[in-house]
N, C-alpha and C. Protein backbone atom coordinates (compact mmCIF):
# COMPACT_ATOMS: atom_id res chain seq x y z
N MET A 1 -35.45 8.55 14.90
CA MET A 1 -34.59 9.66 15.28
C MET A 1 -33.57 9.92 14.17
N THR A 2 -33.38 11.19 13.84
CA THR A 2 -32.47 11.55 12.76
C THR A 2 -31.02 11.29 13.15
N GLU A 3 -30.29 10.71 12.24
CA GLU A 3 -28.85 10.48 12.44
C GLU A 3 -28.12 11.81 12.29
N TYR A 4 -27.33 12.18 13.29
CA TYR A 4 -26.68 13.50 13.29
C TYR A 4 -25.17 13.35 13.38
N TRP A 5 -24.48 14.15 12.56
CA TRP A 5 -23.02 14.17 12.57
C TRP A 5 -22.54 15.61 12.71
N GLN A 6 -21.83 15.87 13.80
CA GLN A 6 -21.20 17.18 14.01
C GLN A 6 -19.70 16.99 13.75
N CYS A 7 -19.19 17.62 12.72
CA CYS A 7 -17.82 17.34 12.28
C CYS A 7 -17.00 18.62 12.15
N ALA A 8 -15.69 18.45 12.27
CA ALA A 8 -14.76 19.57 12.13
C ALA A 8 -13.82 19.33 10.96
N PHE A 9 -13.40 20.42 10.35
CA PHE A 9 -12.36 20.38 9.31
C PHE A 9 -11.18 21.19 9.81
N ILE A 10 -10.00 20.59 9.76
CA ILE A 10 -8.79 21.35 10.08
C ILE A 10 -7.80 21.17 8.94
N GLY A 11 -7.30 22.28 8.46
CA GLY A 11 -6.38 22.26 7.33
C GLY A 11 -5.04 22.84 7.69
N GLU A 12 -4.16 22.90 6.72
CA GLU A 12 -2.84 23.47 6.94
C GLU A 12 -2.94 24.98 7.15
N GLY A 13 -3.94 25.59 6.51
CA GLY A 13 -4.21 27.01 6.66
C GLY A 13 -5.68 27.22 6.40
N THR A 14 -6.05 28.43 5.98
CA THR A 14 -7.46 28.69 5.71
C THR A 14 -7.80 28.59 4.22
N SER A 15 -6.79 28.49 3.37
CA SER A 15 -7.04 28.54 1.93
C SER A 15 -7.80 27.33 1.40
N ASP A 16 -7.79 26.24 2.15
CA ASP A 16 -8.49 25.03 1.71
C ASP A 16 -9.79 24.79 2.46
N ASN A 17 -10.27 25.81 3.18
CA ASN A 17 -11.50 25.64 3.95
C ASN A 17 -12.71 25.29 3.08
N GLY A 18 -12.63 25.62 1.79
CA GLY A 18 -13.72 25.27 0.88
C GLY A 18 -13.94 23.77 0.79
N LEU A 19 -12.92 22.99 1.14
CA LEU A 19 -13.06 21.53 1.13
C LEU A 19 -14.09 21.05 2.14
N ALA A 20 -14.34 21.85 3.17
CA ALA A 20 -15.27 21.42 4.23
C ALA A 20 -16.64 21.06 3.65
N LYS A 21 -17.17 21.91 2.78
CA LYS A 21 -18.49 21.64 2.20
C LYS A 21 -18.45 20.47 1.21
N VAL A 22 -17.32 20.30 0.54
CA VAL A 22 -17.16 19.14 -0.35
C VAL A 22 -17.21 17.85 0.47
N LEU A 23 -16.49 17.85 1.58
CA LEU A 23 -16.46 16.68 2.45
C LEU A 23 -17.81 16.45 3.12
N GLU A 24 -18.51 17.53 3.41
CA GLU A 24 -19.85 17.42 3.97
C GLU A 24 -20.77 16.70 2.98
N ARG A 25 -20.67 17.08 1.71
CA ARG A 25 -21.48 16.42 0.68
C ARG A 25 -21.10 14.94 0.55
N LEU A 26 -19.81 14.65 0.70
CA LEU A 26 -19.36 13.26 0.60
C LEU A 26 -19.95 12.42 1.73
N LEU A 27 -19.90 12.94 2.95
CA LEU A 27 -20.47 12.21 4.08
C LEU A 27 -21.97 12.05 3.92
N MET A 28 -22.64 13.08 3.45
CA MET A 28 -24.09 13.00 3.23
C MET A 28 -24.44 11.94 2.18
N SER A 29 -23.57 11.79 1.18
CA SER A 29 -23.82 10.77 0.15
C SER A 29 -23.67 9.36 0.72
N MET A 30 -22.85 9.22 1.76
CA MET A 30 -22.66 7.92 2.38
C MET A 30 -23.72 7.62 3.43
N ARG A 31 -24.30 8.68 4.00
CA ARG A 31 -25.32 8.53 5.03
C ARG A 31 -26.58 9.27 4.60
N PRO A 32 -27.28 8.79 3.57
CA PRO A 32 -28.48 9.47 3.06
C PRO A 32 -29.50 9.70 4.18
N GLY A 33 -30.02 10.91 4.22
CA GLY A 33 -31.02 11.25 5.23
C GLY A 33 -30.44 11.75 6.53
N ALA A 34 -29.13 11.62 6.71
CA ALA A 34 -28.49 12.08 7.94
C ALA A 34 -28.39 13.60 7.95
N ASP A 35 -28.39 14.16 9.15
CA ASP A 35 -28.18 15.59 9.34
C ASP A 35 -26.68 15.78 9.59
N VAL A 36 -26.01 16.39 8.63
CA VAL A 36 -24.55 16.54 8.70
C VAL A 36 -24.16 18.01 8.76
N ASN A 37 -23.32 18.34 9.71
CA ASN A 37 -22.77 19.69 9.80
C ASN A 37 -21.26 19.59 9.89
N LEU A 38 -20.58 20.09 8.88
CA LEU A 38 -19.12 20.01 8.82
C LEU A 38 -18.59 21.41 8.54
N GLU A 39 -17.88 21.96 9.51
CA GLU A 39 -17.36 23.32 9.40
C GLU A 39 -15.88 23.35 9.78
N PRO A 40 -15.12 24.31 9.23
CA PRO A 40 -13.75 24.51 9.70
C PRO A 40 -13.78 24.84 11.19
N HIS A 41 -12.91 24.22 11.95
CA HIS A 41 -12.86 24.50 13.39
C HIS A 41 -12.42 25.94 13.61
N GLY A 42 -13.13 26.63 14.48
CA GLY A 42 -12.76 28.02 14.80
C GLY A 42 -11.79 28.06 15.97
N TRP A 43 -10.56 28.40 15.68
CA TRP A 43 -9.54 28.43 16.73
C TRP A 43 -9.64 29.72 17.53
N THR A 44 -9.44 29.61 18.83
CA THR A 44 -9.36 30.79 19.69
C THR A 44 -7.98 30.79 20.32
N GLY A 45 -7.36 31.96 20.38
CA GLY A 45 -6.01 32.02 20.91
C GLY A 45 -5.00 31.52 19.90
N ARG A 46 -3.92 30.93 20.38
CA ARG A 46 -2.84 30.48 19.50
C ARG A 46 -3.28 29.28 18.68
N ARG A 47 -3.06 29.37 17.38
CA ARG A 47 -3.38 28.26 16.48
C ARG A 47 -2.25 27.24 16.53
N PRO A 48 -2.55 25.96 16.77
CA PRO A 48 -1.49 24.94 16.79
C PRO A 48 -0.71 24.92 15.48
N ASN A 49 0.56 24.52 15.58
CA ASN A 49 1.46 24.62 14.42
C ASN A 49 1.33 23.49 13.42
N ASN A 50 1.02 22.29 13.89
CA ASN A 50 1.01 21.15 12.97
C ASN A 50 -0.22 20.28 13.20
N ALA A 51 -0.39 19.30 12.33
CA ALA A 51 -1.58 18.46 12.37
C ALA A 51 -1.72 17.73 13.70
N GLU A 52 -0.61 17.19 14.21
CA GLU A 52 -0.67 16.45 15.47
C GLU A 52 -1.15 17.33 16.61
N GLU A 53 -0.61 18.56 16.70
CA GLU A 53 -1.02 19.48 17.75
C GLU A 53 -2.49 19.88 17.60
N LYS A 54 -2.92 20.07 16.36
CA LYS A 54 -4.32 20.45 16.11
C LYS A 54 -5.27 19.35 16.56
N ILE A 55 -4.93 18.11 16.23
CA ILE A 55 -5.78 16.98 16.61
C ILE A 55 -5.86 16.85 18.13
N LYS A 56 -4.72 16.97 18.78
CA LYS A 56 -4.68 16.87 20.24
C LYS A 56 -5.48 17.99 20.89
N ALA A 57 -5.45 19.17 20.27
CA ALA A 57 -6.18 20.32 20.82
C ALA A 57 -7.69 20.12 20.78
N LEU A 58 -8.16 19.21 19.92
CA LEU A 58 -9.59 18.95 19.79
C LEU A 58 -10.05 17.72 20.57
N ALA A 59 -9.16 17.21 21.41
CA ALA A 59 -9.46 15.97 22.13
C ALA A 59 -10.75 16.03 22.94
N GLU A 60 -11.05 17.20 23.52
CA GLU A 60 -12.24 17.33 24.36
C GLU A 60 -13.42 17.96 23.63
N GLU A 61 -13.24 18.27 22.36
CA GLU A 61 -14.34 18.88 21.59
C GLU A 61 -15.34 17.79 21.18
N PRO A 62 -16.63 18.10 21.22
CA PRO A 62 -17.67 17.08 20.97
C PRO A 62 -17.94 16.80 19.49
N TYR A 63 -16.87 16.60 18.73
CA TYR A 63 -17.05 16.29 17.31
C TYR A 63 -17.20 14.78 17.11
N ASP A 64 -18.03 14.42 16.14
CA ASP A 64 -18.17 13.01 15.79
C ASP A 64 -17.02 12.56 14.89
N LEU A 65 -16.62 13.44 13.96
CA LEU A 65 -15.51 13.17 13.06
C LEU A 65 -14.67 14.43 12.92
N ILE A 66 -13.37 14.24 12.71
CA ILE A 66 -12.46 15.35 12.49
C ILE A 66 -11.71 15.09 11.18
N PHE A 67 -11.99 15.90 10.18
CA PHE A 67 -11.34 15.76 8.88
C PHE A 67 -10.05 16.58 8.90
N VAL A 68 -8.94 15.89 8.70
CA VAL A 68 -7.62 16.54 8.78
C VAL A 68 -7.00 16.58 7.39
N HIS A 69 -6.83 17.78 6.87
CA HIS A 69 -6.30 17.97 5.52
C HIS A 69 -4.80 18.21 5.55
N ARG A 70 -4.08 17.41 4.75
CA ARG A 70 -2.64 17.59 4.58
C ARG A 70 -2.31 17.23 3.14
N ASP A 71 -1.67 18.13 2.41
CA ASP A 71 -1.19 17.76 1.08
C ASP A 71 -0.11 16.70 1.21
N ALA A 72 -0.11 15.75 0.30
CA ALA A 72 0.93 14.71 0.32
C ALA A 72 2.29 15.31 0.02
N ASP A 73 2.32 16.33 -0.85
CA ASP A 73 3.58 16.94 -1.28
C ASP A 73 4.56 15.86 -1.72
N ASN A 74 5.82 15.98 -1.30
CA ASN A 74 6.83 14.99 -1.69
C ASN A 74 6.99 13.87 -0.67
N VAL A 75 6.22 13.96 0.42
CA VAL A 75 6.35 12.97 1.50
C VAL A 75 5.59 11.69 1.18
N GLY A 76 4.47 11.83 0.51
CA GLY A 76 3.67 10.66 0.16
C GLY A 76 2.43 10.51 1.03
N ILE A 77 1.43 9.85 0.49
CA ILE A 77 0.14 9.74 1.18
C ILE A 77 0.22 8.91 2.46
N GLU A 78 0.98 7.82 2.44
CA GLU A 78 1.05 6.96 3.62
C GLU A 78 1.68 7.67 4.80
N ALA A 79 2.74 8.44 4.54
CA ALA A 79 3.40 9.18 5.61
C ALA A 79 2.46 10.22 6.21
N ARG A 80 1.68 10.89 5.37
CA ARG A 80 0.74 11.90 5.86
C ARG A 80 -0.39 11.26 6.67
N ILE A 81 -0.87 10.11 6.20
CA ILE A 81 -1.91 9.42 6.96
C ILE A 81 -1.38 8.99 8.32
N LYS A 82 -0.14 8.54 8.35
CA LYS A 82 0.48 8.15 9.62
C LYS A 82 0.56 9.34 10.57
N GLU A 83 0.89 10.52 10.04
CA GLU A 83 0.92 11.74 10.85
C GLU A 83 -0.44 12.00 11.48
N CYS A 84 -1.48 11.86 10.67
CA CYS A 84 -2.84 12.13 11.15
C CYS A 84 -3.28 11.12 12.21
N ARG A 85 -2.79 9.90 12.09
CA ARG A 85 -3.20 8.85 13.03
C ARG A 85 -2.37 8.85 14.31
N SER A 86 -1.24 9.50 14.30
CA SER A 86 -0.30 9.40 15.42
C SER A 86 -0.90 9.82 16.77
N PRO A 87 -1.81 10.80 16.84
CA PRO A 87 -2.38 11.14 18.16
C PRO A 87 -3.35 10.09 18.69
N GLY A 88 -3.75 9.13 17.86
CA GLY A 88 -4.61 8.04 18.32
C GLY A 88 -6.07 8.41 18.50
N ASP A 89 -6.54 9.42 17.79
CA ASP A 89 -7.95 9.84 17.87
C ASP A 89 -8.75 9.12 16.78
N ASP A 90 -9.66 8.24 17.19
CA ASP A 90 -10.42 7.43 16.23
C ASP A 90 -11.38 8.24 15.37
N ARG A 91 -11.59 9.50 15.72
CA ARG A 91 -12.52 10.34 14.95
C ARG A 91 -11.87 10.93 13.71
N VAL A 92 -10.56 10.81 13.59
CA VAL A 92 -9.82 11.46 12.51
C VAL A 92 -10.06 10.78 11.16
N VAL A 93 -10.33 11.62 10.16
CA VAL A 93 -10.41 11.18 8.77
C VAL A 93 -9.31 11.90 8.00
N PRO A 94 -8.24 11.22 7.60
CA PRO A 94 -7.17 11.89 6.84
C PRO A 94 -7.67 12.28 5.45
N VAL A 95 -7.42 13.53 5.08
CA VAL A 95 -7.79 14.05 3.76
C VAL A 95 -6.49 14.44 3.07
N ILE A 96 -5.96 13.56 2.22
CA ILE A 96 -4.61 13.73 1.69
C ILE A 96 -4.61 13.74 0.17
N PRO A 97 -4.73 14.91 -0.45
CA PRO A 97 -4.61 14.97 -1.91
C PRO A 97 -3.18 14.68 -2.36
N VAL A 98 -3.02 14.04 -3.51
CA VAL A 98 -1.72 13.77 -4.12
C VAL A 98 -1.64 14.57 -5.42
N THR A 99 -0.63 15.46 -5.52
CA THR A 99 0.28 15.81 -4.44
C THR A 99 -0.22 17.00 -3.63
N MET A 100 -1.23 17.68 -4.15
CA MET A 100 -1.82 18.80 -3.43
C MET A 100 -3.26 19.01 -3.88
N THR A 101 -3.97 19.85 -3.13
CA THR A 101 -5.40 20.05 -3.37
C THR A 101 -5.71 20.42 -4.81
N GLU A 102 -4.83 21.17 -5.44
CA GLU A 102 -5.07 21.60 -6.82
C GLU A 102 -5.24 20.42 -7.78
N ALA A 103 -4.68 19.26 -7.43
CA ALA A 103 -4.87 18.08 -8.28
C ALA A 103 -6.34 17.69 -8.33
N TRP A 104 -7.04 17.84 -7.21
CA TRP A 104 -8.47 17.53 -7.18
C TRP A 104 -9.26 18.55 -8.00
N VAL A 105 -8.82 19.79 -7.97
CA VAL A 105 -9.48 20.83 -8.78
C VAL A 105 -9.29 20.51 -10.27
N LEU A 106 -8.08 20.14 -10.66
CA LEU A 106 -7.81 19.81 -12.06
C LEU A 106 -8.67 18.64 -12.52
N ALA A 107 -8.80 17.63 -11.67
CA ALA A 107 -9.63 16.47 -12.02
C ALA A 107 -11.09 16.88 -12.18
N ASP A 108 -11.54 17.79 -11.32
CA ASP A 108 -12.92 18.24 -11.41
C ASP A 108 -13.18 19.02 -12.70
N LEU A 109 -12.17 19.75 -13.14
CA LEU A 109 -12.30 20.53 -14.37
C LEU A 109 -12.33 19.65 -15.62
N TRP A 110 -11.87 18.41 -15.48
CA TRP A 110 -11.67 17.53 -16.64
C TRP A 110 -12.91 17.42 -17.51
N SER A 111 -14.05 17.22 -16.89
CA SER A 111 -15.29 17.11 -17.68
C SER A 111 -16.25 18.26 -17.43
N LYS A 112 -15.84 19.18 -16.57
CA LYS A 112 -16.73 20.31 -16.25
C LYS A 112 -16.54 21.47 -17.21
N GLU A 113 -15.31 21.69 -17.64
CA GLU A 113 -15.02 22.79 -18.56
C GLU A 113 -14.58 22.23 -19.91
N GLU A 114 -15.30 22.58 -20.93
CA GLU A 114 -15.06 22.03 -22.27
C GLU A 114 -13.65 22.32 -22.78
N SER A 115 -13.08 23.44 -22.35
CA SER A 115 -11.77 23.84 -22.84
C SER A 115 -10.62 23.13 -22.14
N PHE A 116 -10.91 22.43 -21.03
CA PHE A 116 -9.81 21.91 -20.21
C PHE A 116 -9.10 20.72 -20.84
N GLN A 117 -9.83 19.74 -21.33
CA GLN A 117 -9.18 18.54 -21.88
C GLN A 117 -8.27 18.85 -23.06
N PRO A 118 -8.71 19.66 -24.03
CA PRO A 118 -7.79 20.01 -25.13
C PRO A 118 -6.55 20.73 -24.62
N TRP A 119 -6.74 21.61 -23.65
CA TRP A 119 -5.59 22.34 -23.08
C TRP A 119 -4.65 21.36 -22.39
N ALA A 120 -5.21 20.44 -21.57
CA ALA A 120 -4.38 19.46 -20.87
C ALA A 120 -3.62 18.58 -21.85
N SER A 121 -4.27 18.21 -22.94
CA SER A 121 -3.62 17.39 -23.95
C SER A 121 -2.40 18.10 -24.54
N ARG A 122 -2.54 19.39 -24.75
CA ARG A 122 -1.41 20.17 -25.27
C ARG A 122 -0.28 20.27 -24.26
N GLN A 123 -0.63 20.18 -22.98
CA GLN A 123 0.40 20.22 -21.93
C GLN A 123 1.01 18.85 -21.69
N GLY A 124 0.41 17.83 -22.30
CA GLY A 124 0.99 16.48 -22.22
C GLY A 124 0.54 15.63 -21.06
N PHE A 125 -0.64 15.89 -20.50
CA PHE A 125 -1.11 15.01 -19.43
C PHE A 125 -2.58 14.65 -19.62
N ARG A 126 -2.93 13.50 -19.03
CA ARG A 126 -4.30 13.00 -19.06
C ARG A 126 -4.85 12.93 -17.64
N LEU A 127 -6.11 12.59 -17.53
CA LEU A 127 -6.74 12.48 -16.21
C LEU A 127 -5.96 11.53 -15.31
N ALA A 128 -5.57 10.38 -15.86
CA ALA A 128 -4.85 9.38 -15.06
C ALA A 128 -3.48 9.86 -14.60
N GLY A 129 -2.97 10.93 -15.22
CA GLY A 129 -1.65 11.42 -14.85
C GLY A 129 -1.65 12.64 -13.96
N ILE A 130 -2.82 13.08 -13.53
CA ILE A 130 -2.89 14.30 -12.72
C ILE A 130 -2.12 14.16 -11.42
N GLU A 131 -2.18 12.99 -10.79
CA GLU A 131 -1.48 12.81 -9.52
C GLU A 131 0.03 12.68 -9.71
N ASP A 132 0.47 12.61 -10.95
CA ASP A 132 1.91 12.56 -11.24
C ASP A 132 2.49 13.93 -11.58
N LEU A 133 1.63 14.94 -11.66
CA LEU A 133 2.12 16.28 -11.98
C LEU A 133 3.02 16.79 -10.86
N ALA A 134 4.14 17.40 -11.24
CA ALA A 134 5.09 17.88 -10.24
C ALA A 134 4.53 19.04 -9.44
N ASP A 135 3.74 19.90 -10.07
CA ASP A 135 3.23 21.10 -9.40
C ASP A 135 1.82 21.41 -9.90
N PRO A 136 0.80 20.73 -9.35
CA PRO A 136 -0.58 20.97 -9.79
C PRO A 136 -1.03 22.42 -9.61
N LYS A 137 -0.51 23.08 -8.60
CA LYS A 137 -0.89 24.48 -8.38
C LYS A 137 -0.43 25.34 -9.55
N ARG A 138 0.79 25.12 -9.99
CA ARG A 138 1.30 25.87 -11.13
C ARG A 138 0.50 25.52 -12.39
N THR A 139 0.14 24.26 -12.55
CA THR A 139 -0.65 23.84 -13.71
C THR A 139 -2.00 24.54 -13.72
N LEU A 140 -2.65 24.60 -12.55
CA LEU A 140 -3.93 25.29 -12.45
C LEU A 140 -3.78 26.77 -12.78
N LYS A 141 -2.72 27.36 -12.27
CA LYS A 141 -2.47 28.78 -12.52
C LYS A 141 -2.28 29.04 -14.01
N GLU A 142 -1.54 28.16 -14.67
CA GLU A 142 -1.31 28.32 -16.11
C GLU A 142 -2.61 28.17 -16.90
N TYR A 143 -3.47 27.25 -16.46
CA TYR A 143 -4.75 27.08 -17.15
C TYR A 143 -5.64 28.31 -16.99
N LEU A 144 -5.71 28.82 -15.78
CA LEU A 144 -6.58 29.98 -15.53
C LEU A 144 -6.07 31.24 -16.24
N ASN A 145 -4.79 31.26 -16.57
CA ASN A 145 -4.20 32.42 -17.24
C ASN A 145 -3.99 32.20 -18.74
N ARG A 146 -4.54 31.12 -19.27
CA ARG A 146 -4.22 30.72 -20.65
C ARG A 146 -4.60 31.77 -21.68
N ASP A 147 -5.67 32.52 -21.46
CA ASP A 147 -6.13 33.49 -22.45
C ASP A 147 -5.90 34.93 -22.01
N ARG A 148 -5.09 35.10 -21.00
CA ARG A 148 -4.86 36.45 -20.47
C ARG A 148 -3.53 37.00 -20.97
N SER A 149 -3.50 38.29 -21.23
CA SER A 149 -2.25 38.92 -21.66
C SER A 149 -1.31 39.13 -20.48
N ARG A 150 -1.90 39.22 -19.28
CA ARG A 150 -1.10 39.36 -18.06
C ARG A 150 -1.61 38.38 -17.02
N PHE A 151 -0.69 37.80 -16.25
CA PHE A 151 -1.09 36.86 -15.21
C PHE A 151 -1.97 37.57 -14.19
N MET A 152 -3.01 36.89 -13.72
CA MET A 152 -3.85 37.46 -12.66
C MET A 152 -3.03 37.64 -11.39
N THR A 153 -3.44 38.56 -10.55
CA THR A 153 -2.72 38.82 -9.31
C THR A 153 -2.81 37.61 -8.39
N VAL A 154 -1.93 37.58 -7.40
CA VAL A 154 -1.94 36.48 -6.43
C VAL A 154 -3.30 36.39 -5.74
N ASN A 155 -3.83 37.54 -5.33
CA ASN A 155 -5.12 37.54 -4.64
C ASN A 155 -6.25 37.06 -5.54
N ALA A 156 -6.22 37.48 -6.80
CA ALA A 156 -7.26 37.06 -7.75
C ALA A 156 -7.19 35.55 -7.98
N PHE A 157 -5.98 35.02 -8.09
CA PHE A 157 -5.83 33.58 -8.27
C PHE A 157 -6.34 32.83 -7.05
N GLU A 158 -5.99 33.30 -5.85
CA GLU A 158 -6.42 32.61 -4.64
C GLU A 158 -7.93 32.62 -4.50
N ARG A 159 -8.56 33.72 -4.88
CA ARG A 159 -10.03 33.78 -4.82
C ARG A 159 -10.65 32.77 -5.79
N LYS A 160 -10.11 32.73 -7.00
CA LYS A 160 -10.63 31.78 -8.00
C LYS A 160 -10.37 30.35 -7.57
N ARG A 161 -9.19 30.10 -7.05
CA ARG A 161 -8.83 28.76 -6.58
C ARG A 161 -9.78 28.32 -5.47
N SER A 162 -10.02 29.19 -4.49
CA SER A 162 -10.90 28.85 -3.37
C SER A 162 -12.30 28.51 -3.86
N LYS A 163 -12.77 29.26 -4.85
CA LYS A 163 -14.09 29.00 -5.41
C LYS A 163 -14.13 27.63 -6.07
N LEU A 164 -13.09 27.31 -6.84
CA LEU A 164 -13.03 26.01 -7.53
C LEU A 164 -12.93 24.86 -6.54
N VAL A 165 -12.18 25.05 -5.46
CA VAL A 165 -12.07 24.01 -4.43
C VAL A 165 -13.44 23.69 -3.86
N GLY A 166 -14.20 24.72 -3.53
CA GLY A 166 -15.53 24.52 -2.95
C GLY A 166 -16.53 23.91 -3.90
N GLN A 167 -16.24 23.99 -5.20
CA GLN A 167 -17.16 23.47 -6.22
C GLN A 167 -16.83 22.05 -6.67
N ILE A 168 -15.80 21.43 -6.09
CA ILE A 168 -15.44 20.06 -6.49
C ILE A 168 -16.65 19.14 -6.33
N ARG A 169 -16.96 18.41 -7.40
CA ARG A 169 -18.12 17.51 -7.40
C ARG A 169 -17.70 16.12 -6.94
N ILE A 170 -18.37 15.61 -5.94
CA ILE A 170 -18.00 14.30 -5.40
C ILE A 170 -18.28 13.17 -6.39
N ASP A 171 -19.14 13.44 -7.37
CA ASP A 171 -19.43 12.43 -8.39
C ASP A 171 -18.76 12.77 -9.72
N GLY A 172 -17.83 13.73 -9.69
CA GLY A 172 -17.10 14.12 -10.89
C GLY A 172 -15.87 13.25 -11.09
N ASP A 173 -14.97 13.73 -11.93
CA ASP A 173 -13.79 12.92 -12.27
C ASP A 173 -12.79 12.78 -11.14
N VAL A 174 -12.96 13.56 -10.08
CA VAL A 174 -12.08 13.40 -8.93
C VAL A 174 -12.19 11.99 -8.35
N LYS A 175 -13.34 11.36 -8.54
CA LYS A 175 -13.56 10.02 -7.98
C LYS A 175 -12.65 8.97 -8.61
N HIS A 176 -12.00 9.31 -9.73
CA HIS A 176 -11.10 8.36 -10.39
C HIS A 176 -9.67 8.44 -9.83
N LEU A 177 -9.38 9.44 -9.03
CA LEU A 177 -8.03 9.60 -8.48
C LEU A 177 -7.84 8.69 -7.27
N GLU A 178 -6.64 8.11 -7.16
CA GLU A 178 -6.37 7.15 -6.09
C GLU A 178 -6.49 7.79 -4.71
N ALA A 179 -6.05 9.03 -4.56
CA ALA A 179 -6.13 9.69 -3.26
C ALA A 179 -7.58 9.92 -2.84
N TRP A 180 -8.45 10.19 -3.81
CA TRP A 180 -9.87 10.36 -3.48
C TRP A 180 -10.49 9.03 -3.08
N LYS A 181 -10.13 7.97 -3.79
CA LYS A 181 -10.62 6.64 -3.43
C LYS A 181 -10.18 6.28 -2.01
N ARG A 182 -8.96 6.66 -1.68
CA ARG A 182 -8.46 6.39 -0.32
C ARG A 182 -9.25 7.20 0.71
N LEU A 183 -9.57 8.44 0.37
CA LEU A 183 -10.38 9.27 1.25
C LEU A 183 -11.73 8.60 1.53
N GLU A 184 -12.36 8.09 0.50
CA GLU A 184 -13.66 7.43 0.68
C GLU A 184 -13.54 6.23 1.63
N LYS A 185 -12.47 5.45 1.48
CA LYS A 185 -12.27 4.29 2.35
C LYS A 185 -12.00 4.73 3.79
N GLU A 186 -11.19 5.77 3.95
CA GLU A 186 -10.88 6.28 5.28
C GLU A 186 -12.15 6.80 5.96
N LEU A 187 -13.00 7.46 5.20
CA LEU A 187 -14.24 7.99 5.77
C LEU A 187 -15.19 6.87 6.16
N GLU A 188 -15.33 5.88 5.30
CA GLU A 188 -16.19 4.73 5.62
C GLU A 188 -15.72 4.05 6.91
N SER A 189 -14.40 3.89 7.04
CA SER A 189 -13.85 3.23 8.23
C SER A 189 -14.10 4.07 9.48
N ALA A 190 -13.94 5.38 9.36
CA ALA A 190 -14.15 6.27 10.51
C ALA A 190 -15.61 6.27 10.94
N VAL A 191 -16.51 6.24 9.98
CA VAL A 191 -17.95 6.19 10.30
C VAL A 191 -18.27 4.95 11.11
N VAL A 192 -17.76 3.80 10.68
CA VAL A 192 -18.04 2.54 11.38
C VAL A 192 -17.35 2.51 12.74
N ARG A 193 -16.14 3.04 12.83
CA ARG A 193 -15.43 3.08 14.12
C ARG A 193 -16.23 3.85 15.16
N ASN A 194 -16.84 4.92 14.73
CA ASN A 194 -17.49 5.82 15.68
C ASN A 194 -18.99 5.58 15.83
N ARG A 195 -19.55 4.80 14.94
CA ARG A 195 -20.95 4.37 15.06
C ARG A 195 -20.96 2.88 14.71
N GLN A 196 -20.61 2.07 15.69
CA GLN A 196 -20.32 0.66 15.41
C GLN A 196 -21.53 -0.13 14.93
N HIS A 197 -22.73 0.42 15.08
CA HIS A 197 -23.92 -0.28 14.58
C HIS A 197 -24.09 -0.09 13.08
N LEU A 198 -23.26 0.80 12.50
CA LEU A 198 -23.32 1.04 11.06
C LEU A 198 -22.28 0.17 10.36
N SER A 199 -22.56 -0.20 9.14
CA SER A 199 -21.58 -0.96 8.38
C SER A 199 -21.82 -0.75 6.90
N TYR A 200 -20.77 -0.95 6.11
CA TYR A 200 -20.86 -0.85 4.66
C TYR A 200 -20.58 -2.23 4.08
N GLN A 201 -21.42 -2.65 3.19
CA GLN A 201 -21.23 -3.96 2.56
C GLN A 201 -20.51 -3.79 1.24
């Protein structure tokens, strides 16, 4: 019988929904041969305001796993993970980029775009320092506008950003970031919690 996973993604807004397919690929890599479906949860009526309310609202939904995205921002990864765990739902997988999702995009660009590393070097940062950037979103915006005479519009940037988020490679340089390593551990733990006959050695 095929192993099946029905999963939900809930984010701070809709701009990071592209992460759903990235996370789907990550789960599939951990469960080869499994049938995995991971989609942003479709809210009806009033959308809950915060992560805790969103998790509680899904208490009766038949999901196997619930991926909860929260940028670490200035609060830190441990505090965000604690927020995600506070409702006590064992299906929750905290997805916490440090300091924000754009850091994962920058890491993915590191070896994907030939022009990125020289540009990053001129800005004074390396792959190992991406999670120390004060504003990864601004850094990404500056990179995408590097050869333009005028900055792209807000909408154009958001479209490009969303595309790049969805294209993050799970076997790319993002795997070297501490927050991504933590995500992998959190996912492995959630898989075992919810399918106790499974284990990772």
